[in-house]
Amino acid sequence: MSLPFTLAGLGIAAHAVFNRGKLKWFDLGIAAMVLGALRAINTWDYPTYLALIGCAMVVGYFVDVRTEEKQEFSWSEWLQRYLWFIVLAFVQVAAIVIPTNAAGTRITFDMAIFIVVIVFALALGLVQFGLKLDPRRIGWDLGWRMIALIALSVLFYWPYIINYGTAYTSVELWKDARTTFTDYLVVHGIFLFLAAAYVLILVVNRSARTLGAPVQENTPRSWLEGWTLYLLPALLVLELGFLFFQLQVFALILPLVAAIVWILFARDTAMIHRFLALILVAGLLLTLMVEVVTLKGDIGRMNTVFKFYLQAWVFFGVATASGLAIVFPYLWFRDPQLDTATGEKVGGDSGLLQTVKAAWWGLAALLIFAGMLYPGFAGWAKAHDRFVDTMPPGLNGLDYMQEASYNENNHDFPLKPDYEAIQWLREHIIGSPVIVEGNAGLYHWGNRISINTGLPVVIGWDWHTKQQYSLLPGEIVDNRINDIRTIYETEDPEQAADLLHHYHVSLLYVGAEERALYSPVGFAKFDTMVQSGTLREIYNQDGVQIYALKQDVTQLVK
């Protein structure tokens, strides 16, 4: 569901780069609408795309920014500029934090992203202009746009934000096993292969990187030009450190990240390559981030990995497909051309280069073909992972229940009685009354009536419910599960009736699953409750009984 909005976010980021970071008010409004929608659809996407759009504004902004040439450098003026910048940043943060906090909403992640974008702007500005950088211009031109973007994304979705709550709002260091080298290549290998080729072409071929733009003779030199000689040994030491501490994934990605950052910061890089470098490095950093931190309260780091890997795949897919299409002439074979003046063939690829290109295309075709095998074979495997192998394919997802059986606590029972009861409930029950049924462990047969009828139930699957209601103490879920057990196992009809009334229950389901889950001594009380008028049996077929609280029968059953 979020994919169209993430692609829209990438489009806005590209727009920010090509418009030199100076988004108009309507641009900010559209971006805020997309970001706010991402917050509601898939909260994990919001900080990523907020940071991406902010950094895209920074990248575009510094293309045309120039500094004023000064005859003399003044340390006092330099200090004054940065002090004013700090004051301005505090004012900007306060302008949004104070009102939202007063309204009872915290936007901690938003402000963290704001700081990341401003720091990135300072870093890129220092690389471009060194001590001549005027940080006040960053604060005015970029800072207020970021604050406006955050404020509008909150304001447009204010009713949702003030009514939404979750306990999963912090991260912690990941201290368990990290992704192995082979697993990382299995997941990202195809993209890495394609991205490495694209990046290598941009690094070694200036014409490809600049799209053939002429050399600007009078362009001011970057403050860090010439420092590559000193940075390469530092990168080598860092690479050896990763290998020594067995951080193979970091060691694999570091050279690629370093090359992409160089492309991103190089003054002569074409705008389109600068944008693609930005999303490529963002994707790579996302895959490294999950090796260091995880969402606090996650199941290990399961949700953290797959949520951010999905974002990385979108970045990799867009960047590699677009980038390789642009540099395709440099990847394809170039034959020598006939010089009409001399009659000799000139130019073209050398024999060695043609061999390298042939090997690259062959390996690329092999990897892409191998990747394309997965959807077909995975679909085939999924289609054949069935409860009943002999059943023909069909569009009714409940048909399997007519022939399948299930084992719960060493009790084998057919599912057809549940199937018939589900169909009866769908046809005869009015409205959405609360039903009680057995609560098994995660991914067991419990809650199958609620799942297949849509009727509300007292409690769903244990951990899923705790995640969805993360702001509530887990004991609330545990207490409800224990109360369900009490309803079925107690021999005291009054205790069971009190619990049914406490949870506003109208329907009580007793089938083979309940008999497998709970002690049999408690089931006899339901007949007693029928005789006393507390319950009325409204369904009894093939070992399944459905009871209704007597006072609700006329309002429930057609």
Protein backbone atom coordinates (compact mmCIF):
# COMPACT_ATOMS: atom_id res chain seq x y z
CA MET A 1 0.00 0.00 0.00
CA SER A 2 2.82 2.42 0.78
CA LEU A 3 4.80 1.77 -2.42
CA PRO A 4 3.04 4.41 -4.58
CA PHE A 5 3.65 6.98 -1.83
CA THR A 6 7.32 6.00 -1.48
CA LEU A 7 7.79 6.43 -5.22
CA ALA A 8 6.05 9.80 -4.96
CA GLY A 9 8.51 10.64 -2.17
CA LEU A 10 11.42 9.75 -4.45
CA GLY A 11 9.92 11.95 -7.16
CA ILE A 12 9.69 14.87 -4.73
CA ALA A 13 13.30 14.30 -3.68
CA ALA A 14 14.36 14.39 -7.34
CA HIS A 15 12.32 17.57 -7.80
CA ALA A 16 14.13 19.11 -4.81
CA VAL A 17 17.52 18.34 -6.34
CA PHE A 18 16.69 19.70 -9.80
CA ASN A 19 15.10 22.82 -8.33
CA ARG A 20 18.26 23.59 -6.37
CA GLY A 21 16.61 22.79 -3.05
CA LYS A 22 14.36 25.83 -3.17
CA LEU A 23 10.96 24.20 -2.89
CA LYS A 24 7.99 26.53 -3.20
CA TRP A 25 5.12 26.57 -0.73
CA PHE A 26 3.02 24.28 -2.94
CA ASP A 27 5.97 21.88 -3.29
CA LEU A 28 6.26 21.73 0.48
CA GLY A 29 2.51 21.17 0.77
CA ILE A 30 2.56 18.22 -1.64
CA ALA A 31 5.64 16.75 0.06
CA ALA A 32 3.97 17.13 3.46
CA MET A 33 0.84 15.33 2.20
CA VAL A 34 2.95 12.41 0.97
CA LEU A 35 5.03 12.23 4.15
CA GLY A 36 1.97 12.43 6.39
CA ALA A 37 0.33 9.64 4.42
CA LEU A 38 3.45 7.50 4.86
CA ARG A 39 3.33 8.13 8.61
CA ALA A 40 -0.20 6.71 8.66
CA ILE A 41 0.26 3.89 6.13
CA ASN A 42 3.66 2.61 7.26
CA THR A 43 5.24 4.64 10.06
CA TRP A 44 8.69 3.23 9.33
CA ASP A 45 8.78 5.04 5.97
CA TYR A 46 8.18 8.50 7.41
CA PRO A 47 11.62 9.24 8.94
CA THR A 48 13.44 7.72 5.97
CA TYR A 49 11.67 9.78 3.34
CA LEU A 50 11.69 12.93 5.46
CA ALA A 51 15.48 12.58 5.69
CA LEU A 52 15.77 11.78 1.98
CA ILE A 53 13.77 14.82 0.88
CA GLY A 54 15.69 17.02 3.31
CA CYS A 55 19.08 15.77 2.07
CA ALA A 56 17.90 16.16 -1.53
CA MET A 57 17.17 19.82 -0.82
CA VAL A 58 20.70 20.14 0.56
CA VAL A 59 22.30 18.50 -2.48
CA GLY A 60 20.37 20.70 -4.90
CA TYR A 61 20.92 23.85 -2.85
CA PHE A 62 24.72 23.74 -3.01
CA VAL A 63 24.86 23.46 -6.80
CA ASP A 64 24.36 27.18 -7.31
CA VAL A 65 25.41 28.63 -3.96
CA ARG A 66 28.52 30.76 -4.07
CA THR A 67 30.46 32.49 -1.31
CA GLU A 68 31.59 36.05 -1.22
CA GLU A 69 35.28 36.42 -1.82
CA LYS A 70 36.97 38.16 1.12
CA GLN A 71 40.34 39.81 1.10
CA GLU A 72 40.94 38.88 4.71
CA PHE A 73 39.57 36.12 6.86
CA SER A 74 38.25 37.16 10.26
CA TRP A 75 37.92 34.61 13.04
CA SER A 76 35.56 36.90 14.96
CA GLU A 77 33.22 37.13 11.97
CA TRP A 78 33.43 33.36 11.48
CA LEU A 79 32.52 32.76 15.15
CA GLN A 80 29.68 35.27 14.95
CA ARG A 81 28.20 33.49 11.92
CA TYR A 82 28.12 30.12 13.69
CA LEU A 83 26.69 31.60 16.88
CA TRP A 84 23.86 33.15 14.90
CA PHE A 85 23.35 29.83 13.12
CA ILE A 86 23.04 27.99 16.46
CA VAL A 87 20.55 30.56 17.75
CA LEU A 88 18.53 30.27 14.54
CA ALA A 89 18.49 26.46 14.76
CA PHE A 90 17.23 26.62 18.36
CA VAL A 91 14.49 29.05 17.34
CA GLN A 92 13.42 26.78 14.50
CA VAL A 93 13.28 23.71 16.73
CA ALA A 94 11.38 25.60 19.43
CA ALA A 95 8.92 26.94 16.85
CA ILE A 96 7.59 23.46 16.24
CA VAL A 97 8.46 21.53 19.41
CA ILE A 98 6.79 23.90 21.88
CA PRO A 99 3.34 23.95 20.17
CA THR A 100 3.28 20.20 19.54
CA ASN A 101 4.38 19.36 23.08
CA ALA A 102 1.75 21.73 24.45
CA ALA A 103 -0.83 19.80 22.41
CA GLY A 104 0.40 16.53 23.92
CA THR A 105 2.30 15.23 20.90
CA ARG A 106 6.01 14.49 20.76
CA ILE A 107 7.87 14.63 17.44
CA THR A 108 11.26 13.37 18.59
CA PHE A 109 12.09 11.50 15.39
CA ASP A 110 11.12 14.49 13.29
CA MET A 111 13.54 16.73 15.15
CA ALA A 112 16.26 14.10 14.97
CA ILE A 113 15.86 14.05 11.18
CA PHE A 114 15.96 17.86 11.13
CA ILE A 115 19.32 17.79 12.94
CA VAL A 116 20.65 15.09 10.58
CA VAL A 117 19.74 17.19 7.53
CA ILE A 118 21.30 20.36 8.97
CA VAL A 119 24.50 18.50 9.87
CA PHE A 120 24.63 17.04 6.34
CA ALA A 121 24.20 20.57 4.95
CA LEU A 122 27.08 21.84 7.08
CA ALA A 123 29.30 18.94 6.01
CA LEU A 124 28.57 19.43 2.32
CA GLY A 125 29.00 23.19 2.68
CA LEU A 126 32.36 22.83 4.41
CA VAL A 127 33.56 20.50 1.68
CA GLN A 128 32.50 23.02 -0.95
CA PHE A 129 33.60 26.26 0.68
CA GLY A 130 35.60 25.49 3.80
CA LEU A 131 35.83 28.36 6.29
CA LYS A 132 34.16 30.69 3.79
CA LEU A 133 30.84 28.92 4.35
CA ASP A 134 28.14 31.14 5.81
CA PRO A 135 26.00 28.77 7.96
CA ARG A 136 23.35 31.46 8.44
CA ARG A 137 22.27 30.99 4.83
CA ILE A 138 21.78 27.28 5.49
CA GLY A 139 19.61 28.11 8.46
CA TRP A 140 17.47 30.58 6.51
CA ASP A 141 17.24 28.84 3.15
CA LEU A 142 17.08 25.21 4.23
CA GLY A 143 16.25 25.25 7.94
CA TRP A 144 12.91 27.01 7.58
CA ARG A 145 11.91 24.82 4.66
CA MET A 146 12.58 21.70 6.73
CA ILE A 147 10.62 23.13 9.67
CA ALA A 148 7.74 24.00 7.33
CA LEU A 149 7.83 20.49 5.84
CA ILE A 150 7.68 18.86 9.27
CA ALA A 151 5.01 21.25 10.56
CA LEU A 152 2.75 20.74 7.53
CA SER A 153 3.13 16.94 7.61
CA VAL A 154 1.98 17.06 11.24
CA LEU A 155 -0.77 19.63 10.70
CA PHE A 156 -2.34 17.90 7.69
CA TYR A 157 -2.72 14.66 9.66
CA TRP A 158 -3.28 16.16 13.09
CA PRO A 159 -6.47 14.20 13.93
CA TYR A 160 -4.65 10.95 13.19
CA ILE A 161 -1.49 11.91 15.08
CA ILE A 162 -3.22 12.96 18.31
CA ASN A 163 -5.23 9.72 18.35
CA TYR A 164 -2.36 7.40 17.48
CA GLY A 165 -0.12 5.84 20.08
CA THR A 166 2.54 3.17 20.18
CA ALA A 167 5.16 2.06 22.65
CA TYR A 168 7.66 1.31 19.87
CA THR A 169 9.25 4.74 19.60
CA SER A 170 12.86 4.10 20.62
CA VAL A 171 15.81 2.08 19.41
CA GLU A 172 18.52 0.10 21.12
CA LEU A 173 21.87 -1.35 20.13
CA TRP A 174 21.73 -4.74 18.46
CA LYS A 175 24.03 -7.10 20.38
CA ASP A 176 23.13 -10.47 18.89
CA ALA A 177 24.34 -12.22 15.73
CA ARG A 178 24.67 -10.00 12.66
CA THR A 179 23.93 -10.76 9.05
CA THR A 180 26.52 -13.08 7.54
CA PHE A 181 28.42 -12.21 4.40
CA THR A 182 26.69 -14.90 2.34
CA ASP A 183 23.19 -14.01 3.59
CA TYR A 184 23.78 -10.36 2.76
CA LEU A 185 24.83 -11.26 -0.79
CA VAL A 186 21.83 -13.53 -1.22
CA VAL A 187 19.50 -10.68 -0.29
CA HIS A 188 21.27 -7.74 -1.95
CA GLY A 189 23.84 -9.33 -4.28
CA ILE A 190 22.12 -8.54 -7.59
CA PHE A 191 21.63 -4.89 -6.68
CA LEU A 192 25.19 -4.60 -5.37
CA PHE A 193 26.61 -6.02 -8.58
CA LEU A 194 24.66 -3.55 -10.72
CA ALA A 195 25.34 -0.62 -8.39
CA ALA A 196 29.08 -1.35 -8.29
CA ALA A 197 29.26 -1.23 -12.10
CA TYR A 198 27.39 2.07 -12.21
CA VAL A 199 29.56 3.64 -9.51
CA LEU A 200 32.79 2.38 -11.08
CA ILE A 201 31.92 3.96 -14.42
CA LEU A 202 31.25 7.31 -12.74
CA VAL A 203 34.49 7.18 -10.78
CA VAL A 204 36.82 6.32 -13.65
CA ASN A 205 35.07 8.18 -16.47
CA ARG A 206 34.64 11.91 -16.00
CA SER A 207 32.60 12.25 -19.18
CA ALA A 208 30.04 9.77 -17.82
CA ARG A 209 29.94 11.52 -14.44
CA THR A 210 29.47 15.00 -15.91
CA LEU A 211 27.34 13.93 -18.91
CA GLY A 212 29.99 15.41 -21.17
CA ALA A 213 29.99 18.87 -19.56
CA PRO A 214 33.14 20.91 -20.28
CA VAL A 215 35.70 21.54 -17.56
CA GLN A 216 35.08 24.78 -15.69
CA GLU A 217 38.47 26.45 -15.62
CA ASN A 218 37.56 29.16 -13.09
CA THR A 219 35.54 27.00 -10.70
CA PRO A 220 36.78 27.53 -7.12
CA ARG A 221 38.55 24.55 -5.73
CA SER A 222 36.91 22.54 -2.98
CA TRP A 223 38.36 22.82 0.50
CA LEU A 224 38.96 19.05 0.55
CA GLU A 225 40.36 18.65 -2.95
CA GLY A 226 43.71 16.92 -2.65
CA TRP A 227 42.79 15.35 0.70
CA THR A 228 41.94 12.07 -1.03
CA LEU A 229 45.58 11.12 -0.59
CA TYR A 230 45.09 11.32 3.17
CA LEU A 231 41.58 9.84 3.29
CA LEU A 232 42.44 6.65 1.42
CA PRO A 233 44.82 5.36 4.14
CA ALA A 234 42.15 6.11 6.75
CA LEU A 235 39.63 4.10 4.76
CA LEU A 236 42.13 1.28 4.44
CA VAL A 237 42.67 1.22 8.21
CA LEU A 238 38.89 1.21 8.76
CA GLU A 239 38.50 -1.62 6.26
CA LEU A 240 41.15 -3.69 8.04
CA GLY A 241 39.41 -2.96 11.35
CA PHE A 242 36.10 -4.29 10.03
CA LEU A 243 37.82 -7.44 8.80
CA PHE A 244 39.65 -7.90 12.10
CA PHE A 245 36.40 -7.68 14.09
CA GLN A 246 34.68 -9.97 11.57
CA LEU A 247 32.27 -7.32 10.38
CA GLN A 248 32.27 -8.68 6.84
CA VAL A 249 29.17 -6.79 5.70
CA PHE A 250 30.69 -3.46 6.76
CA ALA A 251 33.95 -4.37 5.04
CA LEU A 252 32.07 -5.22 1.84
CA ILE A 253 30.05 -2.01 1.75
CA LEU A 254 32.64 0.52 2.93
CA PRO A 255 34.49 0.90 -0.43
CA LEU A 256 31.20 1.28 -2.29
CA VAL A 257 29.88 3.86 0.18
CA ALA A 258 33.16 5.80 0.00
CA ALA A 259 33.05 5.89 -3.82
CA ILE A 260 29.40 7.02 -3.82
CA VAL A 261 30.09 9.77 -1.27
CA TRP A 262 32.95 10.98 -3.46
CA ILE A 263 30.58 11.13 -6.45
CA LEU A 264 27.99 12.93 -4.35
CA PHE A 265 30.46 15.55 -3.12
CA ALA A 266 32.39 16.01 -6.37
CA ARG A 267 31.73 19.49 -7.78
CA ASP A 268 31.45 18.37 -11.41
CA THR A 269 28.98 15.50 -10.89
CA ALA A 270 25.85 15.88 -13.02
CA MET A 271 22.64 16.53 -11.11
CA ILE A 272 21.00 13.24 -12.06
CA HIS A 273 24.02 11.26 -10.89
CA ARG A 274 24.16 13.29 -7.70
CA PHE A 275 20.55 12.36 -6.95
CA LEU A 276 21.05 8.68 -7.77
CA ALA A 277 24.19 8.65 -5.61
CA LEU A 278 22.13 10.07 -2.75
CA ILE A 279 19.49 7.33 -2.85
CA LEU A 280 22.13 4.64 -3.41
CA VAL A 281 24.10 5.64 -0.33
CA ALA A 282 20.82 5.94 1.61
CA GLY A 283 19.94 2.36 0.70
CA LEU A 284 23.37 1.06 1.67
CA LEU A 285 23.33 2.91 5.00
CA LEU A 286 19.87 1.47 5.77
CA THR A 287 21.23 -2.07 5.35
CA LEU A 288 24.11 -1.22 7.68
CA MET A 289 21.91 0.55 10.22
CA VAL A 290 20.00 -2.64 11.04
CA GLU A 291 23.32 -4.28 11.90
CA VAL A 292 23.83 -1.71 14.65
CA VAL A 293 20.43 -0.78 16.08
CA THR A 294 16.99 -2.34 16.31
CA LEU A 295 13.58 -1.12 17.37
CA LYS A 296 13.15 -1.56 21.10
CA GLY A 297 10.54 -4.23 21.73
CA ASP A 298 11.00 -5.92 18.35
CA ILE A 299 11.03 -9.71 18.04
CA GLY A 300 14.80 -9.91 17.84
CA ARG A 301 15.23 -7.53 14.92
CA MET A 302 12.73 -9.16 12.56
CA ASN A 303 10.52 -6.13 11.89
CA THR A 304 13.49 -3.75 11.84
CA VAL A 305 15.26 -5.75 9.14
CA PHE A 306 12.39 -6.42 6.78
CA LYS A 307 10.91 -2.92 7.04
CA PHE A 308 14.17 -1.14 6.25
CA TYR A 309 15.26 -3.74 3.70
CA LEU A 310 12.07 -2.99 1.77
CA GLN A 311 13.04 0.67 1.70
CA ALA A 312 16.57 -0.20 0.59
CA TRP A 313 15.24 -2.36 -2.26
CA VAL A 314 13.16 0.53 -3.57
CA PHE A 315 16.23 2.79 -3.48
CA PHE A 316 18.45 0.17 -5.11
CA GLY A 317 15.89 -0.62 -7.81
CA VAL A 318 15.35 3.00 -8.84
CA ALA A 319 19.04 3.95 -8.64
CA THR A 320 20.49 0.96 -10.50
CA ALA A 321 17.84 0.88 -13.24
CA SER A 322 18.09 4.63 -13.87
CA GLY A 323 21.85 4.84 -13.47
CA LEU A 324 22.69 1.95 -15.77
CA ALA A 325 20.29 3.27 -18.40
CA ILE A 326 22.14 6.61 -18.37
CA VAL A 327 25.63 5.08 -18.60
CA PHE A 328 24.57 2.34 -21.03
CA PRO A 329 26.76 3.72 -23.87
CA TYR A 330 29.80 3.21 -21.65
CA LEU A 331 28.76 -0.35 -20.79
CA TRP A 332 27.98 -1.52 -24.31
CA PHE A 333 30.61 -2.61 -26.81
CA ARG A 334 32.14 0.16 -28.90
CA ASP A 335 33.48 -0.84 -32.29
CA PRO A 336 36.36 1.10 -33.87
CA GLN A 337 35.33 3.73 -36.42
CA LEU A 338 36.85 4.13 -39.87
CA ASP A 339 38.90 7.31 -40.26
CA THR A 340 38.06 8.54 -43.75
CA ALA A 341 41.26 10.57 -43.94
CA THR A 342 43.66 7.74 -43.20
CA GLY A 343 41.48 4.75 -44.03
CA GLU A 344 42.35 3.19 -40.66
CA LYS A 345 40.08 2.10 -37.85
CA VAL A 346 40.40 4.23 -34.74
CA GLY A 347 38.82 4.30 -31.30
CA GLY A 348 36.64 1.54 -29.97
CA ASP A 349 37.26 -0.83 -27.10
CA SER A 350 40.50 -2.70 -26.68
CA GLY A 351 40.41 -6.47 -26.70
CA LEU A 352 40.81 -6.59 -22.94
CA LEU A 353 38.00 -4.11 -22.34
CA GLN A 354 35.68 -6.02 -24.67
CA THR A 355 36.45 -9.19 -22.71
CA VAL A 356 35.66 -7.44 -19.42
CA LYS A 357 32.41 -6.07 -20.79
CA ALA A 358 31.39 -9.46 -22.15
CA ALA A 359 32.08 -11.05 -18.77
CA TRP A 360 30.06 -8.32 -17.01
CA TRP A 361 27.07 -8.71 -19.31
CA GLY A 362 27.19 -12.48 -18.99
CA LEU A 363 27.34 -12.36 -15.20
CA ALA A 364 24.63 -9.67 -15.06
CA ALA A 365 22.34 -11.78 -17.25
CA LEU A 366 23.01 -14.84 -15.07
CA LEU A 367 22.27 -12.97 -11.83
CA ILE A 368 19.10 -11.36 -13.17
CA PHE A 369 17.91 -14.70 -14.52
CA ALA A 370 18.61 -16.35 -11.16
CA GLY A 371 16.68 -13.61 -9.40
CA MET A 372 13.73 -14.00 -11.77
CA LEU A 373 13.53 -17.69 -10.90
CA TYR A 374 12.34 -16.88 -7.39
CA PRO A 375 8.83 -15.55 -8.15
CA GLY A 376 7.97 -18.57 -10.27
CA PHE A 377 9.39 -21.23 -7.99
CA ALA A 378 8.24 -19.49 -4.80
CA GLY A 379 4.74 -19.19 -6.21
CA TRP A 380 4.78 -22.85 -7.22
CA ALA A 381 5.97 -23.90 -3.75
CA LYS A 382 3.36 -21.73 -2.05
CA ALA A 383 0.58 -23.09 -4.25
CA HIS A 384 1.59 -26.63 -3.34
CA ASP A 385 1.92 -25.97 0.40
CA ARG A 386 -1.61 -27.14 1.13
CA PHE A 387 -3.58 -28.74 3.94
CA VAL A 388 -4.91 -31.30 1.46
CA ASP A 389 -2.58 -32.12 -1.42
CA THR A 390 -5.27 -33.83 -3.47
CA MET A 391 -7.67 -30.90 -3.52
CA PRO A 392 -7.98 -29.02 -6.82
CA PRO A 393 -7.15 -25.31 -6.98
CA GLY A 394 -9.94 -22.82 -6.40
CA LEU A 395 -10.80 -19.29 -5.33
CA ASN A 396 -12.62 -20.11 -2.07
CA GLY A 397 -10.06 -19.87 0.72
CA LEU A 398 -12.21 -21.96 3.07
CA ASP A 399 -12.66 -25.01 0.83
CA TYR A 400 -9.71 -26.81 2.43
CA MET A 401 -11.64 -27.05 5.69
CA GLN A 402 -14.09 -29.50 4.14
CA GLU A 403 -11.39 -32.17 3.86
CA ALA A 404 -8.53 -31.10 6.14
CA SER A 405 -7.82 -32.22 9.69
CA TYR A 406 -5.80 -30.57 12.44
CA ASN A 407 -3.81 -31.65 15.49
CA GLU A 408 -3.92 -29.63 18.69
CA ASN A 409 -2.35 -30.98 21.89
CA ASN A 410 -2.23 -34.49 20.36
CA HIS A 411 -5.93 -34.33 19.47
CA ASP A 412 -6.69 -34.98 15.78
CA PHE A 413 -9.97 -33.61 14.52
CA PRO A 414 -11.56 -32.72 11.14
CA LEU A 415 -12.15 -29.08 10.27
CA LYS A 416 -15.42 -29.60 8.42
CA PRO A 417 -17.59 -29.10 11.54
CA ASP A 418 -15.94 -25.70 12.04
CA TYR A 419 -16.52 -24.94 8.36
CA GLU A 420 -20.23 -25.71 8.64
CA ALA A 421 -20.51 -23.62 11.83
CA ILE A 422 -18.74 -20.68 10.21
CA GLN A 423 -21.13 -20.78 7.26
CA TRP A 424 -24.10 -20.92 9.63
CA LEU A 425 -22.82 -17.93 11.62
CA ARG A 426 -22.33 -15.91 8.44
CA GLU A 427 -25.87 -16.62 7.31
CA HIS A 428 -27.81 -16.38 10.57
CA ILE A 429 -26.11 -13.91 12.93
CA ILE A 430 -27.23 -10.29 12.85
CA GLY A 431 -24.71 -7.51 13.42
CA SER A 432 -21.36 -7.96 15.16
CA PRO A 433 -21.89 -9.57 18.57
CA VAL A 434 -18.86 -10.51 20.68
CA ILE A 435 -17.99 -14.20 20.58
CA VAL A 436 -15.88 -16.34 22.88
CA GLU A 437 -13.76 -19.14 21.41
CA GLY A 438 -10.61 -21.00 22.35
CA ASN A 439 -7.35 -19.06 22.44
CA ALA A 440 -4.38 -21.17 21.32
CA GLY A 441 -0.74 -20.22 20.80
CA LEU A 442 0.46 -18.07 17.92
CA TYR A 443 -0.22 -19.49 14.45
CA HIS A 444 -2.47 -22.23 15.79
CA TRP A 445 -6.13 -22.94 15.06
CA GLY A 446 -7.41 -20.68 17.84
CA ASN A 447 -9.53 -17.63 16.92
CA ARG A 448 -10.51 -19.27 13.65
CA ILE A 449 -14.17 -18.30 14.10
CA SER A 450 -13.42 -14.63 14.59
CA ILE A 451 -10.92 -14.67 11.71
CA ASN A 452 -13.37 -16.25 9.25
CA THR A 453 -16.56 -14.46 10.27
CA GLY A 454 -15.31 -11.01 11.29
CA LEU A 455 -17.09 -11.23 14.63
CA PRO A 456 -15.26 -9.44 17.46
CA VAL A 457 -13.61 -11.69 20.01
CA VAL A 458 -12.60 -11.09 23.62
CA ILE A 459 -8.90 -11.54 22.81
CA GLY A 460 -6.91 -12.31 19.68
CA TRP A 461 -3.49 -13.90 19.25
CA ASP A 462 -1.31 -13.22 22.25
CA TRP A 463 1.79 -11.42 20.93
CA HIS A 464 0.05 -9.82 17.96
CA THR A 465 -2.45 -8.21 20.30
CA LYS A 466 0.31 -7.01 22.60
CA GLN A 467 2.06 -5.39 19.65
CA GLN A 468 -1.08 -3.71 18.35
CA TYR A 469 -1.93 -2.39 21.81
CA SER A 470 1.66 -1.72 22.80
CA LEU A 471 0.78 1.24 25.03
CA LEU A 472 -1.23 -1.03 27.32
CA PRO A 473 0.44 -3.31 29.88
CA GLY A 474 0.87 -6.85 28.60
CA GLU A 475 -0.91 -8.11 31.71
CA ILE A 476 -4.22 -6.92 30.24
CA VAL A 477 -3.84 -9.38 27.37
CA ASP A 478 -2.66 -12.13 29.72
CA ASN A 479 -5.64 -11.54 32.01
CA ARG A 480 -8.08 -11.86 29.13
CA ILE A 481 -6.46 -15.10 27.96
CA ASN A 482 -6.70 -16.45 31.51
CA ASP A 483 -10.35 -15.37 31.71
CA ILE A 484 -11.11 -17.25 28.50
CA ARG A 485 -9.57 -20.33 30.06
CA THR A 486 -11.65 -19.80 33.18
CA ILE A 487 -14.87 -19.52 31.15
CA TYR A 488 -14.24 -22.94 29.63
CA GLU A 489 -12.63 -24.75 32.56
CA THR A 490 -14.48 -23.50 35.64
CA GLU A 491 -17.19 -25.76 37.03
CA ASP A 492 -19.02 -22.77 38.51
CA PRO A 493 -21.76 -21.50 36.14
CA GLU A 494 -22.03 -18.19 37.98
CA GLN A 495 -18.32 -17.45 37.59
CA ALA A 496 -18.53 -18.18 33.85
CA ALA A 497 -21.67 -16.03 33.52
CA ASP A 498 -20.03 -13.13 35.34
CA LEU A 499 -17.07 -13.20 32.94
CA LEU A 500 -19.36 -13.41 29.90
CA HIS A 501 -21.25 -10.34 31.10
CA HIS A 502 -18.03 -8.54 32.02
CA TYR A 503 -16.78 -8.78 28.42
CA HIS A 504 -20.23 -8.12 26.89
CA VAL A 505 -20.20 -11.56 25.26
CA SER A 506 -23.25 -12.62 23.26
CA LEU A 507 -22.03 -15.88 21.68
CA LEU A 508 -20.09 -18.83 23.11
CA TYR A 509 -18.44 -21.37 20.78
CA VAL A 510 -17.55 -24.94 21.77
CA GLY A 511 -15.85 -27.12 19.17
CA ALA A 512 -13.08 -29.68 18.83
CA GLU A 513 -10.40 -26.99 19.26
CA GLU A 514 -11.84 -25.90 22.62
CA ARG A 515 -12.02 -29.50 23.81
CA ALA A 516 -8.38 -29.98 22.82
CA LEU A 517 -7.27 -26.81 24.61
CA TYR A 518 -9.18 -26.94 27.89
CA SER A 519 -9.96 -29.41 30.66
CA PRO A 520 -13.13 -31.41 29.93
CA VAL A 521 -14.53 -30.97 33.46
CA GLY A 522 -15.79 -27.50 32.71
CA PHE A 523 -17.90 -28.21 29.63
CA ALA A 524 -20.77 -29.84 31.54
CA LYS A 525 -21.67 -26.50 33.12
CA PHE A 526 -22.88 -25.14 29.78
CA ASP A 527 -25.81 -27.60 29.86
CA THR A 528 -26.54 -26.40 33.39
CA MET A 529 -26.48 -22.79 32.19
CA VAL A 530 -28.95 -23.71 29.42
CA GLN A 531 -31.29 -25.32 31.93
CA SER A 532 -31.07 -22.28 34.21
CA GLY A 533 -31.89 -19.94 31.36
CA THR A 534 -28.51 -18.17 31.29
CA LEU A 535 -27.63 -19.59 27.85
CA ARG A 536 -29.60 -20.84 24.91
CA GLU A 537 -28.20 -23.39 22.45
CA ILE A 538 -28.67 -21.99 18.96
CA TYR A 539 -26.50 -24.47 17.01
CA ASN A 540 -25.57 -28.12 17.59
CA GLN A 541 -24.07 -30.13 14.76
CA ASP A 542 -21.19 -32.60 14.38
CA GLY A 543 -19.74 -31.90 17.82
CA VAL A 544 -19.98 -28.08 17.60
CA GLN A 545 -22.27 -26.18 19.95
CA ILE A 546 -22.92 -22.46 19.77
CA TYR A 547 -24.63 -20.79 22.70
CA ALA A 548 -26.14 -17.34 22.97
CA LEU A 549 -26.88 -15.40 26.10
CA LYS A 550 -30.62 -15.85 26.35
CA GLN A 551 -31.51 -12.16 26.56
CA ASP A 552 -29.66 -11.51 23.28
CA VAL A 553 -31.12 -14.32 21.16
CA THR A 554 -33.90 -12.38 19.48
CA GLN A 555 -31.52 -9.59 18.50
CA LEU A 556 -28.80 -11.97 17.22
CA VAL A 557 -30.32 -14.79 15.22
CA LYS A 558 -32.30 -14.42 12.02
